[in-house]
N, C-alpha and C. Protein backbone atom coordinates (compact mmCIF):
# COMPACT_ATOMS: atom_id res chain seq x y z
N MET A 1 -13.68 -4.55 -5.52
CA MET A 1 -13.23 -5.54 -6.47
C MET A 1 -14.12 -6.79 -6.38
N HIS A 2 -14.67 -7.04 -5.22
CA HIS A 2 -15.54 -8.19 -5.02
C HIS A 2 -14.87 -9.53 -5.27
N GLN A 3 -13.55 -9.58 -5.17
CA GLN A 3 -12.82 -10.83 -5.30
C GLN A 3 -11.46 -10.69 -4.63
N PRO A 4 -10.87 -11.80 -4.20
CA PRO A 4 -9.55 -11.73 -3.57
C PRO A 4 -8.50 -11.15 -4.53
N ALA A 5 -7.51 -10.50 -3.96
CA ALA A 5 -6.44 -9.91 -4.78
C ALA A 5 -5.14 -9.93 -3.99
N THR A 6 -4.05 -9.72 -4.70
CA THR A 6 -2.74 -9.60 -4.08
C THR A 6 -2.12 -8.28 -4.52
N VAL A 7 -1.69 -7.49 -3.55
CA VAL A 7 -1.03 -6.21 -3.82
C VAL A 7 0.47 -6.47 -3.85
N HIS A 8 1.13 -6.06 -4.92
CA HIS A 8 2.58 -6.23 -5.07
C HIS A 8 3.24 -4.85 -4.96
N SER A 9 4.27 -4.77 -4.14
CA SER A 9 5.00 -3.51 -3.96
C SER A 9 6.43 -3.86 -3.56
N ARG A 10 7.16 -2.86 -3.05
CA ARG A 10 8.49 -3.12 -2.53
C ARG A 10 8.82 -2.07 -1.48
N CYS A 11 9.74 -2.43 -0.60
CA CYS A 11 10.25 -1.51 0.39
C CYS A 11 11.25 -0.60 -0.31
N GLU A 12 11.06 0.69 -0.24
CA GLU A 12 11.95 1.62 -0.93
C GLU A 12 13.30 1.77 -0.23
N GLN A 13 13.41 1.30 1.00
CA GLN A 13 14.69 1.35 1.70
C GLN A 13 15.55 0.13 1.37
N SER A 14 14.95 -1.06 1.46
CA SER A 14 15.72 -2.29 1.23
C SER A 14 15.50 -2.90 -0.15
N LEU A 15 14.50 -2.40 -0.87
CA LEU A 15 14.08 -2.92 -2.17
C LEU A 15 13.53 -4.34 -2.08
N GLU A 16 13.21 -4.79 -0.87
CA GLU A 16 12.61 -6.10 -0.67
C GLU A 16 11.21 -6.12 -1.28
N PRO A 17 10.88 -7.14 -2.08
CA PRO A 17 9.53 -7.23 -2.63
C PRO A 17 8.52 -7.52 -1.52
N LEU A 18 7.34 -6.93 -1.63
CA LEU A 18 6.29 -7.10 -0.64
C LEU A 18 5.02 -7.57 -1.35
N GLU A 19 4.30 -8.49 -0.74
CA GLU A 19 3.02 -8.95 -1.26
C GLU A 19 2.04 -8.99 -0.10
N LEU A 20 0.84 -8.49 -0.35
CA LEU A 20 -0.19 -8.48 0.68
C LEU A 20 -1.48 -9.01 0.07
N SER A 21 -1.99 -10.10 0.61
CA SER A 21 -3.25 -10.67 0.13
C SER A 21 -4.42 -9.94 0.77
N VAL A 22 -5.44 -9.67 -0.04
CA VAL A 22 -6.64 -8.98 0.42
C VAL A 22 -7.85 -9.81 0.02
N SER A 23 -8.74 -10.03 0.97
CA SER A 23 -9.97 -10.78 0.69
C SER A 23 -11.16 -9.87 0.95
N ASP A 24 -12.36 -10.43 0.86
CA ASP A 24 -13.56 -9.63 1.13
C ASP A 24 -13.64 -9.21 2.59
N ARG A 25 -12.81 -9.80 3.44
CA ARG A 25 -12.76 -9.43 4.86
C ARG A 25 -11.69 -8.38 5.15
N GLY A 26 -10.89 -8.04 4.15
CA GLY A 26 -9.83 -7.04 4.33
C GLY A 26 -8.46 -7.66 4.12
N PRO A 27 -7.41 -6.92 4.43
CA PRO A 27 -6.05 -7.43 4.24
C PRO A 27 -5.69 -8.46 5.31
N GLU A 28 -4.74 -9.32 4.96
CA GLU A 28 -4.23 -10.29 5.94
C GLU A 28 -3.46 -9.54 7.02
N PRO A 29 -3.33 -10.10 8.22
CA PRO A 29 -2.55 -9.44 9.27
C PRO A 29 -1.12 -9.18 8.82
N SER A 30 -0.59 -8.04 9.21
CA SER A 30 0.75 -7.66 8.79
C SER A 30 1.36 -6.73 9.83
N ASP A 31 2.69 -6.71 9.90
CA ASP A 31 3.37 -5.78 10.79
C ASP A 31 3.95 -4.60 10.00
N TRP A 32 3.51 -4.44 8.76
CA TRP A 32 4.00 -3.35 7.92
C TRP A 32 3.54 -2.00 8.47
N LEU A 33 4.32 -0.99 8.16
CA LEU A 33 3.98 0.38 8.52
C LEU A 33 3.99 1.22 7.26
N PHE A 34 2.91 1.94 7.02
CA PHE A 34 2.81 2.82 5.86
C PHE A 34 3.05 4.25 6.34
N HIS A 35 4.02 4.91 5.74
CA HIS A 35 4.32 6.29 6.09
C HIS A 35 4.26 7.13 4.84
N CYS A 36 3.52 8.20 4.90
CA CYS A 36 3.40 9.10 3.75
C CYS A 36 3.66 10.52 4.24
N VAL A 37 4.59 11.20 3.60
CA VAL A 37 4.97 12.55 4.01
C VAL A 37 3.83 13.54 3.74
N VAL A 38 3.08 13.31 2.67
CA VAL A 38 2.01 14.22 2.28
C VAL A 38 0.70 13.76 2.92
N PRO A 39 -0.04 14.66 3.59
CA PRO A 39 -1.32 14.28 4.17
C PRO A 39 -2.28 13.78 3.08
N ALA A 40 -3.09 12.79 3.41
CA ALA A 40 -4.00 12.18 2.42
C ALA A 40 -4.88 13.21 1.73
N ALA A 41 -5.31 14.23 2.43
CA ALA A 41 -6.17 15.25 1.83
C ALA A 41 -5.48 16.02 0.71
N GLN A 42 -4.15 15.94 0.65
CA GLN A 42 -3.40 16.68 -0.38
C GLN A 42 -2.80 15.77 -1.46
N TRP A 43 -3.10 14.48 -1.46
CA TRP A 43 -2.51 13.55 -2.42
C TRP A 43 -2.76 13.96 -3.86
N TRP A 44 -3.96 14.44 -4.17
CA TRP A 44 -4.29 14.78 -5.56
C TRP A 44 -3.73 16.13 -5.98
N ASP A 45 -3.19 16.91 -5.06
CA ASP A 45 -2.59 18.20 -5.43
C ASP A 45 -1.40 18.01 -6.35
N ASP A 46 -0.64 16.93 -6.15
CA ASP A 46 0.51 16.60 -7.00
C ASP A 46 0.65 15.08 -7.00
N ILE A 47 -0.24 14.41 -7.72
CA ILE A 47 -0.32 12.95 -7.68
C ILE A 47 0.95 12.28 -8.18
N VAL A 48 1.70 12.91 -9.06
CA VAL A 48 2.94 12.31 -9.56
C VAL A 48 3.96 12.23 -8.42
N PHE A 49 4.10 13.28 -7.63
CA PHE A 49 5.01 13.27 -6.49
C PHE A 49 4.54 12.30 -5.42
N THR A 50 3.24 12.35 -5.12
CA THR A 50 2.68 11.53 -4.05
C THR A 50 2.82 10.07 -4.39
């Protein structure tokens, strides 16, 4: 992107809104945990589900 951005999402358990700022150095420090049931190599096999 070559410019700062903010990623907007939400926690699917609590529905709490989440925002993460990203700069050219990477994302800001966070204690978030990303869990995905489908291995990354298989994400495009069914992108709607993933």
